Amino acid sequence: MGYKEVELKLPTDYNEGQLIRRISKKLSLRDFSYQVDNKSLDARKKDSIHWQIRCSVISDELKGQDHKLRPEMDIPYKERNEKVIVVGSGPAGFFSALVLQRAGYQVSIIERGTSVKKRTTGIIEFESSKKFDPVSNYSFGEGGAGTFSDGKLTSRSKHIKQERQFVISSYIKAGAPKEIAYMTHPHLGSDNLKVIVKNLREEFEKLGGKVLFETQVTDIKTVDGKVTEVQTNKGDFQADHFIFAIGQSAYDSYRMLINAGVQFRAKNFAIGSRVEHPQKLINVAQWGKESLPGVKAAEYRLTSKGKNGESIYTFCMCPGGDIVPAGAFENINIVNGMSRYKRNGEYANSAAVVGVDPNVLLNKEASATEILNWVEALENKFYKFSNEYKAPFTMIEDFIAGKETSKIPESSYAMGLVSAPLWEMLPSEIIAPLRSGLLDFSKKIKGFEKGKMMGLESKTSSPIQVVREKNGLCAGFSNLYMIGEGSGFAGGIISSAADGIKAAMGLIEN
């Protein structure tokens, strides 16, 4: 049985029959099987947009080497008496728990938020009543903040091939579309994620794992650098190992850990706003037409440099998506983006942010606690502007000109908009570079300056980072691990999940 890889160009609306005929013709084969390894859209020439596809083809008619499958991650199982508490059910926490449960540990996940079903109901109620729910919101609950997002599965992290494959195959088994295994820019969509995280949790429970919802850790007890138990609003829990995957929004949990002696340091992060445009405007700018058969919606990734070397960029672009109220606590007003699998909404949105140094923002060497306080005060400032969850906004061209917008436009944001001088509300250090970046983006995307700029985007990454050793072990502790976005070492679904898996495998192999 021979094997060969083949590269093909196919129209955006191709079907499987066309793909099979192209493989047959290119390799002169009659009987073969194939697997799509990579699929990316080539839109460099607007009059010749096509899919670039790489396939692995296997056939008795081919000579040469056999197809070598990627080695799967080996999780060694044995009966163990050790208990593990995992705090947080986002990608990092869940996948570390799943790996450890498969390895024979007795694992319990403690999640301060609700199950995904109850969480969905709570979010709908929040957007209709405007009354914040501390346990059912866009930040806390089953699956973490990523459950209500675009579900992007891209990652720049290196050396995580096996971990990535494990995560992708787990998602597919839990109901994700098979295309996530080969798309260059795979995504799940929030509608799929709500089903996937529930199915994954049920698999974990079938293996003997436990999940405790609406259970918030309020303190940890330590003896000589070893955690002995976590205290929660529903009692105390003892274990042999403790893994914290709290995400980057749980500032109260950060402060609790700092008070317990866990070492954190301030780190660079990014601040800005969400920008929103009609999706058709983005499609025309990227494709030269309002729609493209076989492709959901056009995307963009934009970068620029400020006069003093500042990094300005778009982040978490959500084609055909919505802007949502993403505050983790009452009286906090921040925004994020989400989209469903079909990406067929009227609007496109992304964060437009500037990288910042906490020492520059505070004009001193900033501690972890000080930068947490600074970010939290900024998020509260945006709430106090209207004392509700409306998003302060201005048109992009008005932000550049320093002029308030008088007319409130339509938008995807369910909580409403209120005109505001964002150049006075955002940190002064980012205004000039953000204006220059938006001007630059307007040269790259025709009509970009006609979009809306709304709310505060403060959660591109954590502003602090734990001091940790290999595989996530917190410095100074023998059994406390900090993983995922909350550790300051990972960002996004894939890299966070991989960080959790590495910590679990390190514990298993120790």
Protein backbone atom coordinates (compact mmCIF):
# COMPACT_ATOMS: atom_id res chain seq x y z
CA MET A 1 0.00 0.00 0.00
CA GLY A 2 1.64 3.22 -1.17
CA TYR A 3 1.17 6.73 0.12
CA LYS A 4 1.56 10.19 -1.39
CA GLU A 5 0.67 13.75 -0.50
CA VAL A 6 -0.98 15.92 -3.14
CA GLU A 7 -1.64 19.67 -3.32
CA LEU A 8 -4.78 20.84 -5.11
CA LYS A 9 -6.49 24.10 -6.00
CA LEU A 10 -10.28 23.87 -5.98
CA PRO A 11 -13.12 26.40 -6.36
CA THR A 12 -14.66 27.72 -3.16
CA ASP A 13 -17.89 25.79 -3.76
CA TYR A 14 -16.31 22.45 -4.71
CA ASN A 15 -17.94 19.17 -3.69
CA GLU A 16 -16.45 15.82 -2.71
CA GLY A 17 -16.96 14.37 -6.18
CA GLN A 18 -14.82 17.13 -7.69
CA LEU A 19 -12.12 16.54 -5.10
CA ILE A 20 -12.04 12.80 -5.83
CA ARG A 21 -11.86 13.37 -9.59
CA ARG A 22 -9.00 15.85 -9.18
CA ILE A 23 -7.00 13.39 -7.06
CA SER A 24 -7.66 10.59 -9.55
CA LYS A 25 -6.56 12.71 -12.49
CA LYS A 26 -3.49 14.21 -10.83
CA LEU A 27 -2.11 10.86 -9.63
CA SER A 28 -3.61 8.65 -12.41
CA LEU A 29 -5.37 6.45 -9.87
CA ARG A 30 -8.58 4.47 -10.03
CA ASP A 31 -8.82 2.97 -6.54
CA PHE A 32 -7.65 4.95 -3.53
CA SER A 33 -8.60 6.44 -0.19
CA TYR A 34 -7.72 9.92 0.97
CA GLN A 35 -7.67 12.23 3.92
CA VAL A 36 -7.71 16.02 3.87
CA ASP A 37 -4.72 17.22 5.90
CA ASN A 38 -4.98 20.97 5.37
CA LYS A 39 -7.46 23.39 3.82
CA SER A 40 -6.86 27.12 3.54
CA LEU A 41 -8.47 29.92 1.56
CA ASP A 42 -6.20 31.73 -0.88
CA ALA A 43 -7.72 35.19 -1.40
CA ARG A 44 -4.61 37.03 -2.54
CA LYS A 45 -6.11 37.59 -5.99
CA LYS A 46 -9.75 38.66 -5.77
CA ASP A 47 -10.52 37.37 -9.27
CA SER A 48 -9.14 33.92 -8.43
CA ILE A 49 -10.10 33.07 -4.83
CA HIS A 50 -9.83 29.32 -4.22
CA TRP A 51 -9.24 26.63 -1.63
CA GLN A 52 -5.68 25.32 -1.32
CA ILE A 53 -5.99 21.70 -0.19
CA ARG A 54 -3.39 19.14 0.84
CA CYS A 55 -4.45 15.49 0.92
CA SER A 56 -2.85 12.22 1.97
CA VAL A 57 -3.66 9.57 -0.65
CA ILE A 58 -3.30 5.82 -0.04
CA SER A 59 -3.51 3.25 -2.84
CA ASP A 60 -2.18 -0.13 -4.00
CA GLU A 61 -1.43 1.63 -7.26
CA LEU A 62 1.11 3.91 -5.58
CA LYS A 63 4.69 2.94 -4.94
CA GLY A 64 6.76 4.22 -2.09
CA GLN A 65 6.54 4.62 1.66
CA ASP A 66 3.58 3.64 3.80
CA HIS A 67 1.49 6.35 5.38
CA LYS A 68 2.82 6.97 8.86
CA LEU A 69 0.10 8.03 11.28
CA ARG A 70 0.89 10.66 13.85
CA PRO A 71 1.65 8.98 17.19
CA GLU A 72 -1.17 9.45 19.64
CA MET A 73 -0.55 10.74 23.13
CA ASP A 74 0.00 7.84 25.51
CA ILE A 75 -1.81 8.19 28.84
CA PRO A 76 -0.52 5.38 31.09
CA TYR A 77 -3.27 3.97 33.30
CA LYS A 78 -2.87 2.34 36.69
CA GLU A 79 -5.00 2.24 39.81
CA ARG A 80 -4.04 5.11 42.04
CA ASN A 81 -5.25 6.25 45.44
CA GLU A 82 -4.28 9.89 44.89
CA LYS A 83 -6.96 12.57 44.74
CA VAL A 84 -6.75 15.65 42.57
CA ILE A 85 -8.81 18.85 42.85
CA VAL A 86 -9.02 20.92 39.67
CA VAL A 87 -10.38 24.45 40.13
CA GLY A 88 -12.00 25.72 36.94
CA SER A 89 -13.69 23.89 34.05
CA GLY A 90 -12.29 25.84 31.08
CA PRO A 91 -10.06 24.12 28.49
CA ALA A 92 -6.98 24.04 30.75
CA GLY A 93 -8.81 22.72 33.80
CA PHE A 94 -11.03 20.27 31.96
CA PHE A 95 -8.33 18.65 29.84
CA SER A 96 -5.92 18.32 32.76
CA ALA A 97 -8.75 16.64 34.71
CA LEU A 98 -9.68 14.35 31.81
CA VAL A 99 -6.08 13.17 31.33
CA LEU A 100 -5.60 12.54 35.04
CA GLN A 101 -8.90 10.67 35.34
CA ARG A 102 -7.90 8.46 32.41
CA ALA A 103 -4.59 7.81 34.15
CA GLY A 104 -6.35 6.45 37.23
CA TYR A 105 -6.43 9.44 39.59
CA GLN A 106 -9.57 10.36 41.51
CA VAL A 107 -10.36 13.78 40.07
CA SER A 108 -12.93 16.38 41.05
CA ILE A 109 -13.51 19.62 39.14
CA ILE A 110 -14.69 22.57 41.21
CA GLU A 111 -16.43 25.26 39.13
CA ARG A 112 -17.72 28.52 40.58
CA GLY A 113 -20.23 28.96 37.74
CA THR A 114 -23.17 26.91 36.55
CA SER A 115 -23.60 24.03 34.11
CA VAL A 116 -23.73 25.09 30.47
CA LYS A 117 -27.51 24.61 30.27
CA LYS A 118 -28.20 26.75 33.33
CA ARG A 119 -25.51 29.21 32.24
CA THR A 120 -27.19 29.73 28.87
CA THR A 121 -30.49 30.52 30.57
CA GLY A 122 -28.74 32.92 32.95
CA ILE A 123 -27.06 34.82 30.12
CA ILE A 124 -30.34 35.19 28.24
CA GLU A 125 -31.95 36.53 31.42
CA PHE A 126 -29.05 38.94 32.01
CA GLU A 127 -29.32 40.41 28.51
CA SER A 128 -33.07 40.87 28.84
CA SER A 129 -33.31 42.09 32.46
CA LYS A 130 -29.87 43.81 32.64
CA LYS A 131 -29.50 42.23 36.10
CA PHE A 132 -26.05 40.65 36.51
CA ASP A 133 -25.77 37.01 37.65
CA PRO A 134 -22.46 36.20 39.40
CA VAL A 135 -22.63 32.48 38.55
CA SER A 136 -24.22 32.46 35.08
CA ASN A 137 -22.38 34.93 32.88
CA TYR A 138 -20.00 35.15 29.93
CA SER A 139 -16.91 34.69 32.14
CA PHE A 140 -17.79 31.98 34.66
CA GLY A 141 -19.44 28.60 34.17
CA GLU A 142 -18.98 25.27 32.44
CA GLY A 143 -16.34 25.41 29.74
CA GLY A 144 -14.97 28.76 30.87
CA ALA A 145 -15.14 32.03 28.97
CA GLY A 146 -14.41 30.19 25.71
CA THR A 147 -17.81 28.46 25.69
CA PHE A 148 -19.42 31.72 24.64
CA SER A 149 -16.91 32.78 22.02
CA ASP A 150 -16.05 32.04 18.42
CA GLY A 151 -14.32 28.86 19.53
CA LYS A 152 -11.13 29.49 17.58
CA LEU A 153 -8.70 26.57 17.64
CA THR A 154 -5.62 28.28 16.25
CA SER A 155 -2.47 28.54 18.35
CA ARG A 156 1.02 29.94 17.88
CA SER A 157 2.41 27.71 20.61
CA LYS A 158 5.14 25.33 19.48
CA HIS A 159 5.88 21.82 20.72
CA ILE A 160 2.24 20.94 21.44
CA LYS A 161 1.49 18.72 18.41
CA GLN A 162 0.41 15.68 20.43
CA GLU A 163 -1.57 17.77 22.90
CA ARG A 164 -3.29 19.62 20.06
CA GLN A 165 -4.18 16.34 18.34
CA PHE A 166 -5.62 15.00 21.59
CA VAL A 167 -7.77 18.09 22.07
CA ILE A 168 -8.99 18.13 18.46
CA SER A 169 -9.86 14.41 18.45
CA SER A 170 -11.64 14.81 21.80
CA TYR A 171 -13.74 17.65 20.41
CA ILE A 172 -14.64 15.67 17.29
CA LYS A 173 -15.70 12.66 19.40
CA ALA A 174 -17.86 15.06 21.45
CA GLY A 175 -19.68 16.34 18.36
CA ALA A 176 -17.42 18.95 16.77
CA PRO A 177 -17.32 19.14 12.95
CA LYS A 178 -14.56 16.93 11.51
CA GLU A 179 -13.15 19.85 9.53
CA ILE A 180 -11.46 21.22 12.66
CA ALA A 181 -8.78 18.57 12.11
CA TYR A 182 -7.59 20.15 8.86
CA MET A 183 -8.84 23.74 8.47
CA THR A 184 -6.06 26.33 8.69
CA HIS A 185 -8.30 28.55 10.83
CA PRO A 186 -10.63 26.07 12.55
CA HIS A 187 -13.40 27.23 14.84
CA LEU A 188 -16.25 25.59 16.73
CA GLY A 189 -18.81 28.35 17.21
CA SER A 190 -20.57 29.05 20.48
CA ASP A 191 -23.63 27.02 19.46
CA ASN A 192 -21.50 23.90 18.97
CA LEU A 193 -19.45 24.54 22.08
CA LYS A 194 -22.49 24.42 24.33
CA VAL A 195 -23.12 20.85 23.16
CA ILE A 196 -19.46 19.82 23.07
CA VAL A 197 -18.55 20.85 26.63
CA LYS A 198 -21.61 19.03 27.99
CA ASN A 199 -20.69 15.85 26.11
CA LEU A 200 -17.09 16.05 27.30
CA ARG A 201 -18.21 16.50 30.89
CA GLU A 202 -20.48 13.46 30.64
CA GLU A 203 -17.56 11.39 29.31
CA PHE A 204 -15.42 12.58 32.24
CA GLU A 205 -18.16 11.59 34.69
CA LYS A 206 -18.52 8.14 33.08
CA LEU A 207 -14.82 7.63 33.78
CA GLY A 208 -15.51 8.33 37.46
CA GLY A 209 -14.70 12.03 37.59
CA LYS A 210 -16.81 14.45 39.60
CA VAL A 211 -17.90 17.99 38.72
CA LEU A 212 -19.17 20.38 41.39
CA PHE A 213 -20.88 23.48 39.97
CA GLU A 214 -21.63 26.71 41.82
CA THR A 215 -18.77 25.89 44.17
CA GLN A 216 -16.31 28.73 44.69
CA VAL A 217 -12.91 28.32 46.33
CA THR A 218 -12.54 31.01 49.00
CA ASP A 219 -9.17 30.01 50.51
CA ILE A 220 -6.47 27.37 50.58
CA LYS A 221 -4.78 25.80 53.61
CA THR A 222 -1.04 25.12 53.40
CA VAL A 223 1.55 23.43 55.60
CA ASP A 224 5.25 23.76 54.75
CA GLY A 225 4.66 24.57 51.09
CA LYS A 226 2.04 21.89 50.62
CA VAL A 227 -1.66 22.59 50.08
CA THR A 228 -3.77 20.37 52.31
CA GLU A 229 -7.27 21.53 51.38
CA VAL A 230 -9.35 24.13 49.60
CA GLN A 231 -12.13 25.94 51.40
CA THR A 232 -15.28 26.68 49.41
CA ASN A 233 -18.75 28.10 49.87
CA LYS A 234 -19.94 24.47 50.05
CA GLY A 235 -17.40 23.01 52.44
CA ASP A 236 -13.74 22.03 52.55
CA PHE A 237 -12.09 19.53 50.18
CA GLN A 238 -8.86 17.61 50.78
CA ALA A 239 -6.66 16.13 48.04
CA ASP A 240 -3.09 15.14 47.24
CA HIS A 241 -2.69 17.57 44.34
CA PHE A 242 -4.39 20.87 43.49
CA ILE A 243 -4.59 22.38 40.01
CA PHE A 244 -5.88 25.94 39.58
CA ALA A 245 -7.23 26.81 36.13
CA ILE A 246 -9.22 29.88 37.13
CA GLY A 247 -9.00 31.85 33.89
CA GLN A 248 -7.94 35.48 33.76
CA SER A 249 -11.15 37.11 35.03
CA ALA A 250 -11.21 35.73 38.58
CA TYR A 251 -9.45 38.64 40.28
CA ASP A 252 -10.84 37.62 43.66
CA SER A 253 -9.19 34.20 43.26
CA TYR A 254 -5.92 35.83 42.20
CA ARG A 255 -5.92 37.94 45.37
CA MET A 256 -6.74 34.93 47.53
CA LEU A 257 -3.79 33.00 46.07
CA ILE A 258 -1.46 35.98 46.48
CA ASN A 259 -2.50 36.29 50.14
CA ALA A 260 -1.80 32.56 50.53
CA GLY A 261 1.79 33.03 49.38
CA VAL A 262 1.55 32.16 45.68
CA GLN A 263 4.01 34.35 43.79
CA PHE A 264 2.77 36.45 40.84
CA ARG A 265 4.40 39.21 38.81
CA ALA A 266 2.96 41.91 36.57
CA LYS A 267 3.43 41.35 32.83
CA ASN A 268 2.74 43.10 29.55
CA PHE A 269 -0.81 42.83 28.20
CA ALA A 270 -3.10 44.83 25.88
CA ILE A 271 -5.94 47.33 26.20
CA GLY A 272 -8.39 48.72 23.67
CA SER A 273 -11.95 48.47 22.39
CA ARG A 274 -14.09 46.28 20.13
CA VAL A 275 -14.65 47.47 16.58
CA GLU A 276 -17.70 46.41 14.57
CA HIS A 277 -18.56 46.60 10.87
CA PRO A 278 -21.23 45.19 8.59
CA GLN A 279 -19.94 41.76 7.56
CA LYS A 280 -20.66 42.61 3.91
CA LEU A 281 -18.24 45.54 4.13
CA ILE A 282 -15.49 43.17 5.27
CA ASN A 283 -16.43 40.63 2.58
CA VAL A 284 -16.18 43.26 -0.16
CA ALA A 285 -12.86 44.54 1.18
CA GLN A 286 -11.35 41.04 1.37
CA TRP A 287 -13.02 39.27 -1.55
CA GLY A 288 -14.25 42.04 -3.85
CA LYS A 289 -17.83 40.79 -3.46
CA GLU A 290 -20.50 40.58 -0.76
CA SER A 291 -20.57 36.78 -0.62
CA LEU A 292 -18.49 33.85 -1.78
CA PRO A 293 -20.05 30.42 -2.41
CA GLY A 294 -18.65 27.79 -0.07
CA VAL A 295 -17.11 30.29 2.39
CA LYS A 296 -18.91 31.52 5.50
CA ALA A 297 -17.55 35.04 6.01
CA ALA A 298 -14.36 37.00 5.42
CA GLU A 299 -11.82 37.43 8.22
CA TYR A 300 -8.96 39.84 8.85
CA ARG A 301 -5.85 40.09 11.02
CA LEU A 302 -4.33 43.54 11.17
CA THR A 303 -1.14 44.83 12.79
CA SER A 304 0.57 48.19 12.96
CA LYS A 305 3.42 49.94 14.75
CA GLY A 306 3.11 53.20 16.65
CA LYS A 307 5.55 56.12 16.44
CA ASN A 308 7.37 54.90 19.54
CA GLY A 309 7.29 51.24 18.56
CA GLU A 310 3.95 50.40 20.20
CA SER A 311 2.27 47.24 18.96
CA ILE A 312 -1.28 47.83 17.69
CA TYR A 313 -3.28 44.86 16.44
CA THR A 314 -6.67 43.27 16.01
CA PHE A 315 -7.44 40.26 18.18
CA CYS A 316 -10.12 37.56 18.34
CA MET A 317 -11.86 38.55 15.11
CA CYS A 318 -15.42 37.17 15.01
CA PRO A 319 -16.90 37.05 11.47
CA GLY A 320 -20.68 37.20 11.40
CA GLY A 321 -20.68 37.51 15.17
CA ASP A 322 -21.93 39.56 18.11
CA ILE A 323 -20.35 41.77 20.73
CA VAL A 324 -21.30 40.63 24.24
CA PRO A 325 -21.07 41.97 27.84
CA ALA A 326 -18.19 39.97 29.29
CA GLY A 327 -17.80 41.35 32.80
CA ALA A 328 -17.09 38.77 35.49
CA PHE A 329 -18.50 40.87 38.32
CA GLU A 330 -21.28 43.34 38.93
CA ASN A 331 -20.45 46.99 38.14
CA ILE A 332 -17.79 45.94 35.64
CA ASN A 333 -18.35 46.91 32.00
CA ILE A 334 -16.19 45.16 29.41
CA VAL A 335 -16.94 43.56 26.05
CA ASN A 336 -15.89 40.50 24.08
CA GLY A 337 -16.81 38.87 20.78
CA MET A 338 -18.60 35.64 19.92
CA SER A 339 -19.98 33.96 16.83
CA ARG A 340 -21.85 30.81 15.93
CA TYR A 341 -20.57 28.02 13.71
CA LYS A 342 -22.23 29.33 10.52
CA ARG A 343 -20.86 32.84 11.11
CA ASN A 344 -23.94 34.18 9.35
CA GLY A 345 -24.67 37.22 11.51
CA GLU A 346 -24.97 40.72 10.08
CA TYR A 347 -21.86 42.10 11.74
CA ALA A 348 -18.15 41.39 12.06
CA ASN A 349 -16.20 42.40 15.16
CA SER A 350 -12.73 42.22 16.64
CA ALA A 351 -10.68 43.75 19.42
CA ALA A 352 -8.45 46.66 18.40
CA VAL A 353 -5.80 46.90 21.10
CA VAL A 354 -2.41 48.33 22.01
CA GLY A 355 0.25 46.40 23.89
CA VAL A 356 1.09 48.03 27.24
CA ASP A 357 3.79 47.74 29.90
CA PRO A 358 2.33 47.82 33.44
CA ASN A 359 5.38 49.68 34.73
CA VAL A 360 4.69 52.48 32.23
CA LEU A 361 0.99 52.58 33.09
CA LEU A 362 1.66 52.94 36.80
CA ASN A 363 4.88 54.96 36.37
CA LYS A 364 6.66 52.58 38.77
CA GLU A 365 7.61 48.94 39.08
CA ALA A 366 4.14 47.46 39.31
CA SER A 367 3.30 44.56 41.58
CA ALA A 368 0.73 41.94 40.59
CA THR A 369 -1.81 43.32 43.04
CA GLU A 370 -1.30 46.90 41.85
CA ILE A 371 -1.90 46.10 38.18
CA LEU A 372 -4.98 44.02 39.07
CA ASN A 373 -6.35 47.02 40.96
CA TRP A 374 -5.56 49.32 38.01
CA VAL A 375 -7.36 47.13 35.45
CA GLU A 376 -10.34 46.62 37.75
CA ALA A 377 -10.65 50.37 38.30
CA LEU A 378 -10.64 50.94 34.53
CA GLU A 379 -13.37 48.33 34.04
CA ASN A 380 -15.43 49.97 36.78
CA LYS A 381 -14.89 53.38 35.18
CA PHE A 382 -16.59 52.16 32.00
CA TYR A 383 -19.55 50.95 34.08
CA LYS A 384 -19.84 54.23 35.99
CA PHE A 385 -20.06 56.21 32.74
CA SER A 386 -23.74 55.25 32.48
CA ASN A 387 -24.19 53.12 35.65
CA GLU A 388 -25.38 50.24 33.48
CA TYR A 389 -24.11 47.75 30.93
CA LYS A 390 -24.55 49.88 27.83
CA ALA A 391 -21.31 50.03 25.86
CA PRO A 392 -19.69 53.48 25.63
CA PHE A 393 -19.05 53.96 21.90
CA THR A 394 -17.98 56.26 19.11
CA MET A 395 -17.59 55.84 15.38
CA ILE A 396 -13.99 54.99 14.47
CA GLU A 397 -13.57 58.11 12.32
CA ASP A 398 -14.88 60.23 15.21
CA PHE A 399 -12.42 58.60 17.64
CA ILE A 400 -9.59 59.47 15.26
CA ALA A 401 -10.85 63.06 15.05
CA GLY A 402 -11.57 63.35 18.80
CA LYS A 403 -15.25 64.07 18.18
CA GLU A 404 -18.23 62.50 19.98
CA THR A 405 -20.79 60.68 17.88
CA SER A 406 -24.29 62.10 18.14
CA LYS A 407 -26.39 59.40 16.45
CA ILE A 408 -26.72 55.92 18.00
CA PRO A 409 -26.41 53.29 15.22
CA GLU A 410 -27.68 49.73 15.10
CA SER A 411 -25.30 47.11 16.49
CA SER A 412 -25.12 43.48 17.59
CA TYR A 413 -24.65 44.45 21.25
CA ALA A 414 -27.75 43.42 23.18
CA MET A 415 -27.27 45.86 26.07
CA GLY A 416 -27.35 49.03 23.94
CA LEU A 417 -24.86 51.82 23.19
CA VAL A 418 -24.18 55.22 24.70
CA SER A 419 -22.11 57.89 22.96
CA ALA A 420 -18.86 58.55 24.83
CA PRO A 421 -15.44 60.22 24.44
CA LEU A 422 -13.44 57.00 24.43
CA TRP A 423 -10.21 58.98 23.96
CA GLU A 424 -10.79 60.35 27.47
CA MET A 425 -11.87 57.03 29.00
CA LEU A 426 -9.13 54.75 27.71
CA PRO A 427 -5.59 55.05 29.16
CA SER A 428 -3.87 58.15 27.78
CA GLU A 429 -0.79 56.06 26.91
CA ILE A 430 -2.67 54.16 24.17
CA ILE A 431 -4.67 56.95 22.50
CA ALA A 432 -2.05 58.19 20.01
CA PRO A 433 -0.90 54.71 18.93
CA LEU A 434 -4.50 53.45 18.74
CA ARG A 435 -5.45 56.37 16.48
CA SER A 436 -2.45 55.75 14.24
CA GLY A 437 -3.24 52.05 14.13
CA LEU A 438 -6.87 52.64 13.18
CA LEU A 439 -5.73 55.00 10.40
CA ASP A 440 -3.37 52.30 9.16
CA PHE A 441 -6.11 49.63 9.33
CA SER A 442 -8.35 51.93 7.25
CA LYS A 443 -5.75 51.83 4.47
CA LYS A 444 -5.72 48.02 4.55
CA ILE A 445 -9.49 47.46 4.83
CA LYS A 446 -11.53 49.84 2.69
CA GLY A 447 -14.24 51.47 4.81
CA PHE A 448 -12.71 50.37 8.15
CA GLU A 449 -12.97 53.93 9.51
CA LYS A 450 -16.77 53.80 8.99
CA GLY A 451 -17.16 51.17 11.69
CA LYS A 452 -18.11 51.50 15.35
CA MET A 453 -15.70 51.44 18.27
CA MET A 454 -17.30 50.25 21.46
CA GLY A 455 -16.63 49.33 25.05
CA LEU A 456 -13.48 48.28 26.86
CA GLU A 457 -11.48 45.24 25.73
CA SER A 458 -9.25 44.34 28.69
CA LYS A 459 -9.08 40.54 28.55
CA THR A 460 -6.80 39.78 25.60
CA SER A 461 -4.44 38.20 28.14
CA SER A 462 -3.82 38.24 31.87
CA PRO A 463 -1.98 41.30 33.26
CA ILE A 464 -0.15 39.05 35.73
CA GLN A 465 1.81 35.82 35.58
CA VAL A 466 2.42 33.18 38.22
CA VAL A 467 5.98 32.24 39.11
CA ARG A 468 6.06 28.56 38.31
CA GLU A 469 8.38 25.67 37.56
CA LYS A 470 8.18 22.99 34.89
CA ASN A 471 4.69 21.66 34.08
CA GLY A 472 2.92 24.42 35.98
CA LEU A 473 4.09 23.72 39.54
CA CYS A 474 3.92 26.96 41.54
CA ALA A 475 7.27 28.09 42.92
CA GLY A 476 7.57 27.29 46.63
CA PHE A 477 4.85 24.62 46.56
CA SER A 478 5.10 20.86 46.18
CA ASN A 479 1.55 20.08 45.03
CA LEU A 480 -0.02 23.31 43.72
CA TYR A 481 -0.24 23.88 39.97
CA MET A 482 -1.38 26.98 38.06
CA ILE A 483 -2.32 26.50 34.40
CA GLY A 484 -4.10 28.08 31.44
CA GLU A 485 -4.91 31.74 30.85
CA GLY A 486 -5.00 32.43 34.58
CA SER A 487 -1.35 31.43 34.87
CA GLY A 488 -0.27 34.08 32.37
CA PHE A 489 1.49 31.43 30.30
CA ALA A 490 -1.27 30.49 27.84
CA GLY A 491 -4.02 32.09 25.80
CA GLY A 492 -6.89 30.69 23.76
CA ILE A 493 -8.54 27.27 23.75
CA ILE A 494 -5.75 25.15 22.27
CA SER A 495 -2.74 26.58 24.11
CA SER A 496 -4.66 26.62 27.40
CA ALA A 497 -5.80 23.03 26.98
CA ALA A 498 -2.26 22.00 26.03
CA ASP A 499 -0.91 23.76 29.12
CA GLY A 500 -3.32 21.75 31.24
CA ILE A 501 -2.40 18.49 29.52
CA LYS A 502 1.32 19.12 30.02
CA ALA A 503 0.76 19.72 33.72
CA ALA A 504 -1.25 16.50 33.99
CA MET A 505 1.34 14.44 32.11
CA GLY A 506 4.09 15.94 34.27
CA LEU A 507 2.23 14.82 37.37
CA ILE A 508 1.65 11.35 35.92
CA GLU A 509 5.30 10.89 34.93
CA ASN A 510 6.70 12.36 38.14
